[in-house]
Amino acid sequence: MSSIKENLNTILSQLPEHVTLVAVSKTKPISDLMTAYNAGQRVFGENKIQEMVEKYEQMPKDIEWHMIGHVQRNKVKYMAEFVSLIHGVDSLKLLKEINKQAKKHNRTIDCLLQIKIAEEDSKFGMSPDDALDLIASEDYSELKNVHITGVMGMATFTDNQSQIEEEFKRLKSTFDKLKAIDNSLHIISMGMSGDYQLAIECGSTMIRVGSSIFGSRNYSN
């Protein structure tokens, strides 16, 4: 079995310079995260706020924490003090709550708009049209403590590579339209352990990789 450090180095050696690797550490013990940290990894992604807060409190403070899961508005306050990037913003209501909590800590929180590109009903996200309306809206322009820096999407869980490619291209096309409205956008977060190479070919600038670094997850913990 290859080690976390070896896995990490293998993936990093394949990445173009402009692509950021988010090590998805959900359900993994702090010892595993520290192995990755000691190998040089500084960007970690969690999908549950409570788990991220616990790890933040126990780990070095030069880590960039990314919230990659679905965000409940009533839990934003727990991560507002330290979170670097929130990937899953799927409504103006959530953006307003993030803005409110960020203001309390006198900081600006970067956010990605989650676009629904998959066919599956289980996936969250906004339609491309709703995202365009949001970024051009007066409501968004009034929020001074959040900054939309790009988009995030999750492809359908399927072996059909052409479908995944089509969905990734849909996200890239949505990003291009949004960037025409706001030139500061620069992040396209797409691609996970099974499909990140295809995602990079389709324009991804940030990949979210868990099992290819840490091994398969144990959800019984």
N, C-alpha and C. Protein backbone atom coordinates (compact mmCIF):
# COMPACT_ATOMS: atom_id res chain seq x y z
N MET A 1 0.85 -1.20 0.00
CA MET A 1 0.00 0.00 0.00
C MET A 1 0.88 1.25 0.00
N SER A 2 0.65 2.13 -0.95
CA SER A 2 1.50 3.33 -1.00
C SER A 2 1.11 4.32 0.09
N SER A 3 2.07 5.11 0.50
CA SER A 3 1.84 6.02 1.63
C SER A 3 1.18 7.31 1.17
N ILE A 4 0.64 8.02 2.15
CA ILE A 4 0.00 9.32 1.90
C ILE A 4 0.98 10.26 1.21
N LYS A 5 2.22 10.28 1.70
CA LYS A 5 3.24 11.17 1.12
C LYS A 5 3.51 10.81 -0.35
N GLU A 6 3.65 9.52 -0.62
CA GLU A 6 3.88 9.08 -2.01
C GLU A 6 2.71 9.45 -2.91
N ASN A 7 1.50 9.19 -2.42
CA ASN A 7 0.29 9.51 -3.20
C ASN A 7 0.24 10.99 -3.53
N LEU A 8 0.51 11.80 -2.52
CA LEU A 8 0.48 13.26 -2.67
C LEU A 8 1.51 13.71 -3.71
N ASN A 9 2.72 13.20 -3.58
CA ASN A 9 3.79 13.60 -4.50
C ASN A 9 3.50 13.17 -5.93
N THR A 10 2.89 11.99 -6.09
CA THR A 10 2.54 11.50 -7.42
C THR A 10 1.53 12.45 -8.08
N ILE A 11 0.49 12.81 -7.32
CA ILE A 11 -0.53 13.70 -7.87
C ILE A 11 0.06 15.07 -8.19
N LEU A 12 0.82 15.62 -7.24
CA LEU A 12 1.40 16.96 -7.45
C LEU A 12 2.34 17.00 -8.66
N SER A 13 3.04 15.89 -8.88
CA SER A 13 3.97 15.86 -10.02
C SER A 13 3.25 15.89 -11.36
N GLN A 14 1.96 15.52 -11.35
CA GLN A 14 1.18 15.50 -12.59
C GLN A 14 0.40 16.80 -12.83
N LEU A 15 0.38 17.67 -11.82
CA LEU A 15 -0.47 18.86 -11.93
C LEU A 15 0.23 20.02 -12.63
N PRO A 16 -0.48 20.68 -13.56
CA PRO A 16 0.05 21.93 -14.11
C PRO A 16 0.17 22.96 -12.99
N GLU A 17 1.04 23.93 -13.18
CA GLU A 17 1.31 24.94 -12.15
C GLU A 17 0.08 25.72 -11.70
N HIS A 18 -0.87 25.94 -12.63
CA HIS A 18 -2.01 26.79 -12.31
C HIS A 18 -3.13 26.05 -11.58
N VAL A 19 -2.93 24.75 -11.30
CA VAL A 19 -3.99 23.96 -10.65
C VAL A 19 -3.67 23.74 -9.17
N THR A 20 -4.62 24.08 -8.31
CA THR A 20 -4.47 23.92 -6.86
C THR A 20 -5.06 22.57 -6.44
N LEU A 21 -4.34 21.87 -5.59
CA LEU A 21 -4.83 20.59 -5.05
C LEU A 21 -5.44 20.82 -3.67
N VAL A 22 -6.72 20.49 -3.54
CA VAL A 22 -7.38 20.50 -2.23
C VAL A 22 -7.39 19.05 -1.74
N ALA A 23 -6.70 18.79 -0.63
CA ALA A 23 -6.69 17.44 -0.07
C ALA A 23 -7.97 17.25 0.75
N VAL A 24 -8.85 16.39 0.26
CA VAL A 24 -10.16 16.19 0.91
C VAL A 24 -9.98 15.20 2.06
N SER A 25 -10.05 15.75 3.27
CA SER A 25 -9.65 14.99 4.45
C SER A 25 -10.83 14.57 5.32
N LYS A 26 -12.05 14.65 4.80
CA LYS A 26 -13.23 14.29 5.61
C LYS A 26 -13.14 12.84 6.09
N THR A 27 -13.55 12.64 7.33
CA THR A 27 -13.54 11.34 8.05
C THR A 27 -12.14 10.84 8.40
N LYS A 28 -11.09 11.54 7.96
CA LYS A 28 -9.72 11.06 8.21
C LYS A 28 -9.20 11.62 9.54
N PRO A 29 -8.39 10.82 10.25
CA PRO A 29 -7.85 11.29 11.53
C PRO A 29 -6.78 12.37 11.33
N ILE A 30 -6.57 13.16 12.35
CA ILE A 30 -5.59 14.26 12.29
C ILE A 30 -4.19 13.74 11.96
N SER A 31 -3.86 12.52 12.41
CA SER A 31 -2.53 11.96 12.11
C SER A 31 -2.32 11.85 10.60
N ASP A 32 -3.38 11.47 9.86
CA ASP A 32 -3.28 11.38 8.40
C ASP A 32 -3.08 12.77 7.78
N LEU A 33 -3.84 13.74 8.29
CA LEU A 33 -3.71 15.11 7.77
C LEU A 33 -2.32 15.66 8.04
N MET A 34 -1.79 15.34 9.24
CA MET A 34 -0.44 15.84 9.59
C MET A 34 0.64 15.19 8.71
N THR A 35 0.41 13.95 8.30
CA THR A 35 1.35 13.31 7.37
C THR A 35 1.38 14.10 6.06
N ALA A 36 0.19 14.47 5.57
CA ALA A 36 0.11 15.27 4.34
C ALA A 36 0.69 16.66 4.56
N TYR A 37 0.41 17.24 5.73
CA TYR A 37 0.94 18.57 6.06
C TYR A 37 2.47 18.55 6.07
N ASN A 38 3.03 17.52 6.70
CA ASN A 38 4.49 17.42 6.80
C ASN A 38 5.14 17.15 5.44
N ALA A 39 4.33 16.66 4.50
CA ALA A 39 4.83 16.45 3.13
C ALA A 39 4.66 17.72 2.29
N GLY A 40 4.14 18.79 2.92
CA GLY A 40 4.05 20.07 2.23
C GLY A 40 2.64 20.53 1.85
N GLN A 41 1.62 19.69 2.08
CA GLN A 41 0.26 20.09 1.70
C GLN A 41 -0.29 21.12 2.69
N ARG A 42 -0.88 22.19 2.16
CA ARG A 42 -1.41 23.25 3.02
C ARG A 42 -2.89 23.54 2.80
N VAL A 43 -3.50 22.93 1.79
CA VAL A 43 -4.92 23.21 1.50
C VAL A 43 -5.72 21.94 1.75
N PHE A 44 -6.65 22.02 2.71
CA PHE A 44 -7.46 20.86 3.08
C PHE A 44 -8.95 21.18 2.94
N GLY A 45 -9.70 20.19 2.48
CA GLY A 45 -11.14 20.37 2.28
C GLY A 45 -11.95 19.44 3.16
N GLU A 46 -12.94 19.98 3.82
CA GLU A 46 -13.85 19.20 4.66
C GLU A 46 -15.29 19.43 4.19
N ASN A 47 -16.16 18.45 4.44
CA ASN A 47 -17.55 18.66 4.02
C ASN A 47 -18.52 18.79 5.19
N LYS A 48 -17.97 18.73 6.42
CA LYS A 48 -18.82 18.99 7.60
C LYS A 48 -18.15 20.06 8.44
N ILE A 49 -18.90 21.10 8.75
CA ILE A 49 -18.33 22.26 9.46
C ILE A 49 -17.77 21.86 10.82
N GLN A 50 -18.52 21.04 11.56
CA GLN A 50 -18.08 20.65 12.90
C GLN A 50 -16.73 19.92 12.88
N GLU A 51 -16.58 19.03 11.91
CA GLU A 51 -15.32 18.27 11.78
C GLU A 51 -14.18 19.22 11.41
N MET A 52 -14.47 20.18 10.53
CA MET A 52 -13.45 21.13 10.11
C MET A 52 -13.02 22.01 11.29
N VAL A 53 -13.97 22.44 12.11
CA VAL A 53 -13.65 23.28 13.27
C VAL A 53 -12.74 22.51 14.24
N GLU A 54 -13.07 21.25 14.49
CA GLU A 54 -12.26 20.44 15.41
C GLU A 54 -10.83 20.30 14.90
N LYS A 55 -10.69 20.08 13.60
CA LYS A 55 -9.35 19.92 13.03
C LYS A 55 -8.60 21.25 13.01
N TYR A 56 -9.31 22.32 12.70
CA TYR A 56 -8.70 23.65 12.70
C TYR A 56 -8.09 23.97 14.07
N GLU A 57 -8.84 23.63 15.12
CA GLU A 57 -8.39 23.96 16.49
C GLU A 57 -7.13 23.20 16.88
N GLN A 58 -6.94 22.01 16.29
CA GLN A 58 -5.82 21.16 16.71
C GLN A 58 -4.62 21.20 15.77
N MET A 59 -4.77 21.85 14.62
CA MET A 59 -3.71 21.78 13.62
C MET A 59 -3.01 23.12 13.39
N PRO A 60 -1.86 23.12 12.69
CA PRO A 60 -1.13 24.37 12.46
C PRO A 60 -1.99 25.44 11.79
N LYS A 61 -1.68 26.69 12.09
CA LYS A 61 -2.55 27.78 11.65
C LYS A 61 -2.21 28.34 10.26
N ASP A 62 -1.23 27.72 9.57
CA ASP A 62 -0.95 28.19 8.21
C ASP A 62 -1.71 27.34 7.17
N ILE A 63 -2.68 26.55 7.65
CA ILE A 63 -3.48 25.74 6.73
C ILE A 63 -4.63 26.57 6.17
N GLU A 64 -4.90 26.35 4.89
CA GLU A 64 -6.07 26.96 4.23
C GLU A 64 -7.20 25.93 4.29
N TRP A 65 -8.27 26.27 5.00
CA TRP A 65 -9.40 25.34 5.12
C TRP A 65 -10.48 25.68 4.10
N HIS A 66 -10.87 24.68 3.33
CA HIS A 66 -11.94 24.85 2.34
C HIS A 66 -13.16 24.05 2.78
N MET A 67 -14.33 24.70 2.76
CA MET A 67 -15.58 24.00 3.04
C MET A 67 -16.14 23.55 1.70
N ILE A 68 -16.12 22.23 1.46
CA ILE A 68 -16.51 21.74 0.14
C ILE A 68 -17.90 21.10 0.11
N GLY A 69 -18.51 20.93 1.28
CA GLY A 69 -19.81 20.27 1.32
C GLY A 69 -20.96 21.26 1.27
N HIS A 70 -22.18 20.71 1.37
CA HIS A 70 -23.38 21.56 1.40
C HIS A 70 -23.39 22.33 2.72
N VAL A 71 -23.66 23.63 2.65
CA VAL A 71 -23.58 24.48 3.84
C VAL A 71 -24.97 24.85 4.34
N GLN A 72 -25.22 24.57 5.62
CA GLN A 72 -26.47 25.02 6.25
C GLN A 72 -26.22 26.41 6.83
N ARG A 73 -27.15 27.29 6.59
CA ARG A 73 -26.94 28.70 7.00
C ARG A 73 -26.68 28.86 8.49
N ASN A 74 -27.37 28.04 9.31
CA ASN A 74 -27.22 28.20 10.77
C ASN A 74 -25.86 27.75 11.29
N LYS A 75 -25.04 27.15 10.42
CA LYS A 75 -23.72 26.68 10.87
C LYS A 75 -22.57 27.54 10.37
N VAL A 76 -22.88 28.52 9.53
CA VAL A 76 -21.82 29.37 8.96
C VAL A 76 -21.00 30.03 10.06
N LYS A 77 -21.66 30.43 11.14
CA LYS A 77 -20.99 31.18 12.22
C LYS A 77 -19.81 30.42 12.83
N TYR A 78 -19.86 29.08 12.77
CA TYR A 78 -18.80 28.30 13.41
C TYR A 78 -17.48 28.33 12.63
N MET A 79 -17.56 28.60 11.33
CA MET A 79 -16.32 28.58 10.53
C MET A 79 -15.92 29.98 10.03
N ALA A 80 -16.77 30.98 10.28
CA ALA A 80 -16.56 32.31 9.69
C ALA A 80 -15.23 32.95 10.09
N GLU A 81 -14.73 32.55 11.23
CA GLU A 81 -13.50 33.16 11.75
C GLU A 81 -12.26 32.73 10.96
N PHE A 82 -12.31 31.53 10.34
CA PHE A 82 -11.06 31.00 9.76
C PHE A 82 -11.18 30.42 8.35
N VAL A 83 -12.36 30.09 7.88
CA VAL A 83 -12.46 29.39 6.58
C VAL A 83 -11.87 30.25 5.45
N SER A 84 -11.11 29.62 4.55
CA SER A 84 -10.46 30.35 3.45
C SER A 84 -11.36 30.46 2.22
N LEU A 85 -12.06 29.35 1.92
CA LEU A 85 -12.89 29.32 0.71
C LEU A 85 -14.08 28.40 0.94
N ILE A 86 -15.27 28.90 0.60
CA ILE A 86 -16.49 28.09 0.69
C ILE A 86 -16.90 27.73 -0.73
N HIS A 87 -16.86 26.43 -1.04
CA HIS A 87 -17.10 25.97 -2.42
C HIS A 87 -18.58 25.90 -2.78
N GLY A 88 -19.43 25.65 -1.78
CA GLY A 88 -20.80 25.25 -2.11
C GLY A 88 -21.87 26.31 -1.94
N VAL A 89 -21.65 27.52 -2.42
CA VAL A 89 -22.67 28.56 -2.28
C VAL A 89 -23.71 28.42 -3.39
N ASP A 90 -24.95 28.13 -2.98
CA ASP A 90 -25.97 27.85 -3.99
C ASP A 90 -27.20 28.75 -3.89
N SER A 91 -27.06 29.86 -3.13
CA SER A 91 -28.20 30.80 -3.05
C SER A 91 -27.73 32.15 -2.53
N LEU A 92 -28.49 33.18 -2.83
CA LEU A 92 -28.19 34.52 -2.32
C LEU A 92 -28.38 34.55 -0.80
N LYS A 93 -29.37 33.80 -0.30
CA LYS A 93 -29.62 33.75 1.15
C LYS A 93 -28.38 33.27 1.90
N LEU A 94 -27.74 32.22 1.36
CA LEU A 94 -26.53 31.69 2.00
C LEU A 94 -25.40 32.71 1.92
N LEU A 95 -25.28 33.37 0.78
CA LEU A 95 -24.23 34.37 0.60
C LEU A 95 -24.41 35.52 1.60
N LYS A 96 -25.66 35.91 1.83
CA LYS A 96 -25.94 36.99 2.79
C LYS A 96 -25.55 36.58 4.21
N GLU A 97 -25.80 35.32 4.55
CA GLU A 97 -25.44 34.82 5.88
C GLU A 97 -23.92 34.78 6.05
N ILE A 98 -23.22 34.33 5.02
CA ILE A 98 -21.75 34.30 5.08
C ILE A 98 -21.22 35.72 5.25
N ASN A 99 -21.80 36.66 4.52
CA ASN A 99 -21.41 38.06 4.61
C ASN A 99 -21.60 38.60 6.03
N LYS A 100 -22.75 38.27 6.61
CA LYS A 100 -23.08 38.73 7.97
C LYS A 100 -22.07 38.20 8.99
N GLN A 101 -21.76 36.91 8.88
CA GLN A 101 -20.83 36.30 9.85
C GLN A 101 -19.38 36.76 9.61
N ALA A 102 -19.01 36.96 8.35
CA ALA A 102 -17.66 37.44 8.04
C ALA A 102 -17.45 38.84 8.62
N LYS A 103 -18.50 39.65 8.54
CA LYS A 103 -18.44 41.04 9.03
C LYS A 103 -18.13 41.06 10.52
N LYS A 104 -18.70 40.11 11.26
CA LYS A 104 -18.47 40.04 12.71
C LYS A 104 -16.99 39.82 13.03
N HIS A 105 -16.28 39.16 12.11
CA HIS A 105 -14.86 38.88 12.33
C HIS A 105 -13.98 39.84 11.53
N ASN A 106 -14.62 40.85 10.97
CA ASN A 106 -13.91 41.88 10.21
C ASN A 106 -13.04 41.27 9.11
N ARG A 107 -13.63 40.34 8.36
CA ARG A 107 -12.88 39.73 7.27
C ARG A 107 -13.79 39.52 6.05
N THR A 108 -13.14 39.26 4.92
CA THR A 108 -13.88 38.95 3.70
C THR A 108 -13.66 37.49 3.39
N ILE A 109 -14.75 36.77 3.13
CA ILE A 109 -14.64 35.33 2.85
C ILE A 109 -14.86 35.08 1.36
N ASP A 110 -13.90 34.37 0.76
CA ASP A 110 -14.03 34.00 -0.65
C ASP A 110 -15.01 32.84 -0.80
N CYS A 111 -15.80 32.90 -1.87
CA CYS A 111 -16.83 31.89 -2.10
C CYS A 111 -16.86 31.49 -3.57
N LEU A 112 -17.27 30.25 -3.82
CA LEU A 112 -17.52 29.78 -5.18
C LEU A 112 -19.01 29.51 -5.32
N LEU A 113 -19.55 29.85 -6.47
CA LEU A 113 -20.95 29.52 -6.73
C LEU A 113 -21.01 28.07 -7.20
N GLN A 114 -21.81 27.27 -6.51
CA GLN A 114 -21.95 25.86 -6.92
C GLN A 114 -23.00 25.78 -8.03
N ILE A 115 -22.54 25.32 -9.19
CA ILE A 115 -23.42 25.22 -10.36
C ILE A 115 -23.83 23.75 -10.52
N LYS A 116 -25.12 23.54 -10.73
CA LYS A 116 -25.60 22.15 -10.91
C LYS A 116 -25.35 21.74 -12.35
N ILE A 117 -24.35 20.87 -12.52
CA ILE A 117 -24.02 20.42 -13.88
C ILE A 117 -24.40 18.95 -14.09
N ALA A 118 -24.67 18.24 -12.98
CA ALA A 118 -24.97 16.80 -13.08
C ALA A 118 -26.45 16.56 -13.32
N GLU A 119 -26.74 15.37 -13.85
CA GLU A 119 -28.14 14.99 -14.07
C GLU A 119 -28.80 14.53 -12.77
N GLU A 120 -27.97 14.10 -11.81
CA GLU A 120 -28.52 13.53 -10.58
C GLU A 120 -29.25 14.56 -9.74
N ASP A 121 -30.41 14.15 -9.20
CA ASP A 121 -31.19 15.05 -8.35
C ASP A 121 -30.52 15.29 -7.01
N SER A 122 -29.64 14.36 -6.62
CA SER A 122 -29.03 14.47 -5.29
C SER A 122 -27.99 15.58 -5.21
N LYS A 123 -27.57 16.10 -6.34
CA LYS A 123 -26.54 17.14 -6.34
C LYS A 123 -27.17 18.53 -6.14
N PHE A 124 -26.53 19.34 -5.32
CA PHE A 124 -26.99 20.71 -5.09
C PHE A 124 -26.43 21.63 -6.17
N GLY A 125 -26.92 22.85 -6.20
CA GLY A 125 -26.33 23.84 -7.09
C GLY A 125 -27.36 24.74 -7.74
N MET A 126 -26.86 25.85 -8.25
CA MET A 126 -27.70 26.83 -8.94
C MET A 126 -27.68 26.52 -10.43
N SER A 127 -28.67 27.02 -11.13
CA SER A 127 -28.62 26.93 -12.59
C SER A 127 -27.66 28.02 -13.08
N PRO A 128 -27.06 27.85 -14.25
CA PRO A 128 -26.18 28.89 -14.78
C PRO A 128 -26.88 30.25 -14.86
N ASP A 129 -28.15 30.26 -15.24
CA ASP A 129 -28.90 31.53 -15.35
C ASP A 129 -29.04 32.22 -14.00
N ASP A 130 -29.33 31.42 -12.95
CA ASP A 130 -29.46 31.99 -11.61
C ASP A 130 -28.13 32.57 -11.13
N ALA A 131 -27.04 31.89 -11.48
CA ALA A 131 -25.71 32.38 -11.09
C ALA A 131 -25.41 33.71 -11.78
N LEU A 132 -25.76 33.80 -13.06
CA LEU A 132 -25.54 35.05 -13.81
C LEU A 132 -26.36 36.18 -13.22
N ASP A 133 -27.60 35.88 -12.86
CA ASP A 133 -28.47 36.90 -12.24
C ASP A 133 -27.88 37.36 -10.90
N LEU A 134 -27.38 36.40 -10.12
CA LEU A 134 -26.85 36.74 -8.80
C LEU A 134 -25.62 37.65 -8.90
N ILE A 135 -24.69 37.28 -9.76
CA ILE A 135 -23.42 38.03 -9.80
C ILE A 135 -23.61 39.44 -10.37
N ALA A 136 -24.67 39.62 -11.15
CA ALA A 136 -24.94 40.93 -11.72
C ALA A 136 -25.90 41.76 -10.85
N SER A 137 -26.36 41.18 -9.74
CA SER A 137 -27.41 41.82 -8.96
C SER A 137 -26.90 42.91 -8.03
N GLU A 138 -27.79 43.82 -7.72
CA GLU A 138 -27.48 44.88 -6.76
C GLU A 138 -27.30 44.28 -5.38
N ASP A 139 -28.10 43.25 -5.07
CA ASP A 139 -28.00 42.57 -3.77
C ASP A 139 -26.57 42.10 -3.51
N TYR A 140 -25.96 41.48 -4.53
CA TYR A 140 -24.59 40.98 -4.36
C TYR A 140 -23.60 42.14 -4.24
N SER A 141 -23.79 43.17 -5.03
CA SER A 141 -22.85 44.30 -5.01
C SER A 141 -22.84 45.01 -3.65
N GLU A 142 -23.91 44.84 -2.88
CA GLU A 142 -23.99 45.48 -1.56
C GLU A 142 -23.29 44.67 -0.46
N LEU A 143 -22.93 43.43 -0.77
CA LEU A 143 -22.28 42.58 0.24
C LEU A 143 -20.78 42.84 0.23
N LYS A 144 -20.29 43.44 1.30
CA LYS A 144 -18.88 43.88 1.32
C LYS A 144 -17.93 42.87 1.97
N ASN A 145 -18.47 41.81 2.58
CA ASN A 145 -17.60 40.87 3.31
C ASN A 145 -17.57 39.48 2.70
N VAL A 146 -18.07 39.39 1.46
CA VAL A 146 -17.90 38.15 0.70
C VAL A 146 -17.39 38.52 -0.68
N HIS A 147 -16.67 37.57 -1.30
CA HIS A 147 -16.17 37.81 -2.64
C HIS A 147 -16.32 36.51 -3.43
N ILE A 148 -17.11 36.53 -4.46
CA ILE A 148 -17.22 35.35 -5.32
C ILE A 148 -15.98 35.31 -6.21
N THR A 149 -15.23 34.21 -6.11
CA THR A 149 -13.97 34.11 -6.85
C THR A 149 -14.02 33.07 -7.97
N GLY A 150 -15.17 32.41 -8.12
CA GLY A 150 -15.27 31.41 -9.18
C GLY A 150 -16.46 30.49 -9.01
N VAL A 151 -16.33 29.30 -9.58
CA VAL A 151 -17.45 28.34 -9.59
C VAL A 151 -16.96 26.96 -9.16
N MET A 152 -17.91 26.16 -8.71
CA MET A 152 -17.64 24.76 -8.37
C MET A 152 -18.74 23.90 -8.93
N GLY A 153 -18.39 22.69 -9.35
CA GLY A 153 -19.41 21.77 -9.84
C GLY A 153 -18.98 20.33 -9.62
N MET A 154 -19.99 19.45 -9.54
CA MET A 154 -19.74 18.02 -9.39
C MET A 154 -20.41 17.28 -10.53
N ALA A 155 -19.63 16.49 -11.24
CA ALA A 155 -20.17 15.74 -12.37
C ALA A 155 -21.00 14.56 -11.86
N THR A 156 -21.81 14.01 -12.74
CA THR A 156 -22.60 12.83 -12.43
C THR A 156 -21.68 11.66 -12.07
N PHE A 157 -22.10 10.86 -11.11
CA PHE A 157 -21.32 9.67 -10.73
C PHE A 157 -21.61 8.57 -11.75
N THR A 158 -20.77 8.49 -12.77
CA THR A 158 -21.01 7.57 -13.87
C THR A 158 -19.67 7.17 -14.50
N ASP A 159 -19.66 6.05 -15.22
CA ASP A 159 -18.46 5.65 -15.96
C ASP A 159 -18.44 6.25 -17.35
N ASN A 160 -19.51 6.95 -17.71
CA ASN A 160 -19.64 7.52 -19.05
C ASN A 160 -18.77 8.79 -19.16
N GLN A 161 -17.57 8.61 -19.69
CA GLN A 161 -16.59 9.72 -19.75
C GLN A 161 -17.09 10.89 -20.59
N SER A 162 -17.82 10.59 -21.66
CA SER A 162 -18.27 11.70 -22.52
C SER A 162 -19.33 12.54 -21.81
N GLN A 163 -20.14 11.91 -20.95
CA GLN A 163 -21.11 12.67 -20.17
C GLN A 163 -20.41 13.57 -19.15
N ILE A 164 -19.39 13.00 -18.48
CA ILE A 164 -18.64 13.78 -17.50
C ILE A 164 -17.96 14.97 -18.19
N GLU A 165 -17.37 14.70 -19.34
CA GLU A 165 -16.69 15.76 -20.10
C GLU A 165 -17.68 16.87 -20.49
N GLU A 166 -18.85 16.47 -20.92
CA GLU A 166 -19.88 17.45 -21.30
C GLU A 166 -20.27 18.32 -20.10
N GLU A 167 -20.38 17.69 -18.92
CA GLU A 167 -20.76 18.43 -17.72
C GLU A 167 -19.65 19.39 -17.29
N PHE A 168 -18.40 18.92 -17.38
CA PHE A 168 -17.27 19.81 -17.06
C PHE A 168 -17.24 21.01 -18.01
N LYS A 169 -17.49 20.75 -19.28
CA LYS A 169 -17.48 21.85 -20.26
C LYS A 169 -18.61 22.84 -19.99
N ARG A 170 -19.71 22.33 -19.47
CA ARG A 170 -20.85 23.19 -19.10
C ARG A 170 -20.43 24.15 -17.97
N LEU A 171 -19.65 23.63 -17.03
CA LEU A 171 -19.19 24.46 -15.92
C LEU A 171 -18.20 25.52 -16.44
N LYS A 172 -17.29 25.11 -17.30
CA LYS A 172 -16.31 26.04 -17.86
C LYS A 172 -17.02 27.16 -18.65
N SER A 173 -18.05 26.78 -19.39
CA SER A 173 -18.80 27.76 -20.18
C SER A 173 -19.55 28.74 -19.27
N THR A 174 -20.09 28.22 -18.16
CA THR A 174 -20.76 29.09 -17.19
C THR A 174 -19.75 30.06 -16.57
N PHE A 175 -18.58 29.54 -16.22
CA PHE A 175 -17.50 30.38 -15.67
C PHE A 175 -17.17 31.52 -16.63
N ASP A 176 -17.02 31.19 -17.91
CA ASP A 176 -16.65 32.21 -18.91
C ASP A 176 -17.70 33.32 -18.99
N LYS A 177 -18.97 32.94 -18.89
CA LYS A 177 -20.04 33.94 -18.94
C LYS A 177 -20.03 34.82 -17.69
N LEU A 178 -19.77 34.21 -16.54
CA LEU A 178 -19.71 34.97 -15.29
C LEU A 178 -18.50 35.90 -15.28
N LYS A 179 -17.38 35.41 -15.81
CA LYS A 179 -16.14 36.21 -15.85
C LYS A 179 -16.31 37.44 -16.74
N ALA A 180 -17.19 37.34 -17.74
CA ALA A 180 -17.46 38.49 -18.60
C ALA A 180 -18.14 39.61 -17.81
N ILE A 181 -18.83 39.22 -16.71
CA ILE A 181 -19.50 40.21 -15.84
C ILE A 181 -18.54 40.67 -14.74
N ASP A 182 -17.78 39.73 -14.19
CA ASP A 182 -16.85 40.05 -13.11
C ASP A 182 -15.48 39.45 -13.43
N ASN A 183 -14.57 40.30 -13.84
CA ASN A 183 -13.26 39.86 -14.32
C ASN A 183 -12.35 39.31 -13.22
N SER A 184 -12.75 39.49 -11.94
CA SER A 184 -11.89 38.99 -10.85
C SER A 184 -12.04 37.49 -10.63
N LEU A 185 -13.02 36.85 -11.27
CA LEU A 185 -13.20 35.40 -11.12
C LEU A 185 -12.00 34.66 -11.68
N HIS A 186 -11.50 33.65 -10.93
CA HIS A 186 -10.33 32.91 -11.43
C HIS A 186 -10.31 31.43 -11.04
N ILE A 187 -11.30 30.97 -10.29
CA ILE A 187 -11.27 29.57 -9.83
C ILE A 187 -12.38 28.75 -10.48
N ILE A 188 -12.01 27.61 -11.04
CA ILE A 188 -12.98 26.61 -11.48
C ILE A 188 -12.66 25.35 -10.70
N SER A 189 -13.46 25.07 -9.68
CA SER A 189 -13.23 23.91 -8.82
C SER A 189 -14.02 22.73 -9.36
N MET A 190 -13.33 21.85 -10.08
CA MET A 190 -13.99 20.64 -10.58
C MET A 190 -12.97 19.53 -10.75
N GLY A 191 -13.43 18.32 -10.51
CA GLY A 191 -12.55 17.17 -10.62
C GLY A 191 -12.22 16.59 -9.26
N MET A 192 -12.41 15.26 -9.15
CA MET A 192 -12.12 14.56 -7.91
C MET A 192 -11.20 13.37 -8.24
N SER A 193 -11.00 12.47 -7.27
CA SER A 193 -10.03 11.38 -7.47
C SER A 193 -10.18 10.67 -8.81
N GLY A 194 -11.41 10.37 -9.20
CA GLY A 194 -11.62 9.56 -10.40
C GLY A 194 -11.57 10.30 -11.72
N ASP A 195 -11.69 11.62 -11.68
CA ASP A 195 -11.85 12.34 -12.95
C ASP A 195 -11.07 13.65 -13.04
N TYR A 196 -10.10 13.85 -12.13
CA TYR A 196 -9.45 15.17 -12.10
C TYR A 196 -8.62 15.46 -13.35
N GLN A 197 -8.07 14.40 -13.97
CA GLN A 197 -7.26 14.66 -15.17
C GLN A 197 -8.13 15.19 -16.31
N LEU A 198 -9.31 14.58 -16.46
CA LEU A 198 -10.27 15.06 -17.46
C LEU A 198 -10.73 16.48 -17.12
N ALA A 199 -10.95 16.73 -15.83
CA ALA A 199 -11.39 18.06 -15.39
C ALA A 199 -10.36 19.13 -15.75
N ILE A 200 -9.08 18.81 -15.56
CA ILE A 200 -8.01 19.76 -15.89
C ILE A 200 -7.99 20.04 -17.40
N GLU A 201 -8.18 18.99 -18.18
CA GLU A 201 -8.25 19.17 -19.64
C GLU A 201 -9.41 20.09 -20.03
N CYS A 202 -10.47 20.06 -19.22
CA CYS A 202 -11.66 20.88 -19.52
C CYS A 202 -11.61 22.26 -18.87
N GLY A 203 -10.47 22.59 -18.21
CA GLY A 203 -10.30 23.95 -17.70
C GLY A 203 -10.28 24.13 -16.20
N SER A 204 -10.29 23.02 -15.45
CA SER A 204 -10.27 23.14 -13.98
C SER A 204 -9.00 23.83 -13.49
N THR A 205 -9.13 24.67 -12.45
CA THR A 205 -7.96 25.29 -11.82
C THR A 205 -7.82 24.82 -10.37
N MET A 206 -8.75 23.96 -9.92
CA MET A 206 -8.71 23.47 -8.54
C MET A 206 -9.38 22.10 -8.49
N ILE A 207 -8.64 21.11 -7.98
CA ILE A 207 -9.21 19.77 -7.90
C ILE A 207 -9.35 19.36 -6.44
N ARG A 208 -10.37 18.54 -6.15
CA ARG A 208 -10.66 18.12 -4.79
C ARG A 208 -10.43 16.60 -4.71
N VAL A 209 -9.31 16.22 -4.12
CA VAL A 209 -8.91 14.81 -4.15
C VAL A 209 -8.78 14.25 -2.73
N GLY A 210 -9.49 13.16 -2.47
CA GLY A 210 -9.45 12.54 -1.15
C GLY A 210 -8.87 11.15 -1.17
N SER A 211 -9.64 10.18 -1.71
CA SER A 211 -9.24 8.77 -1.61
C SER A 211 -7.93 8.46 -2.32
N SER A 212 -7.59 9.21 -3.37
CA SER A 212 -6.32 8.96 -4.07
C SER A 212 -5.11 9.41 -3.24
N ILE A 213 -5.38 10.22 -2.21
CA ILE A 213 -4.31 10.62 -1.28
C ILE A 213 -4.34 9.77 -0.02
N PHE A 214 -5.53 9.72 0.61
CA PHE A 214 -5.65 9.13 1.95
C PHE A 214 -6.14 7.68 1.95
N GLY A 215 -6.50 7.15 0.79
CA GLY A 215 -7.10 5.82 0.75
C GLY A 215 -8.61 5.92 0.94
N SER A 216 -9.30 4.80 0.81
CA SER A 216 -10.77 4.86 0.87
C SER A 216 -11.24 5.27 2.26
N ARG A 217 -12.43 5.84 2.30
CA ARG A 217 -12.94 6.40 3.55
C ARG A 217 -13.64 5.36 4.42
N ASN A 218 -13.53 5.58 5.71
CA ASN A 218 -14.25 4.73 6.66
C ASN A 218 -15.32 5.59 7.31
N TYR A 219 -16.59 5.36 6.91
CA TYR A 219 -17.68 6.20 7.43
C TYR A 219 -18.24 5.72 8.76
N SER A 220 -17.68 4.63 9.29
CA SER A 220 -18.23 4.13 10.56
C SER A 220 -17.66 4.86 11.77
N ASN A 221 -16.63 5.70 11.52
CA ASN A 221 -16.01 6.43 12.65
C ASN A 221 -16.99 7.41 13.28
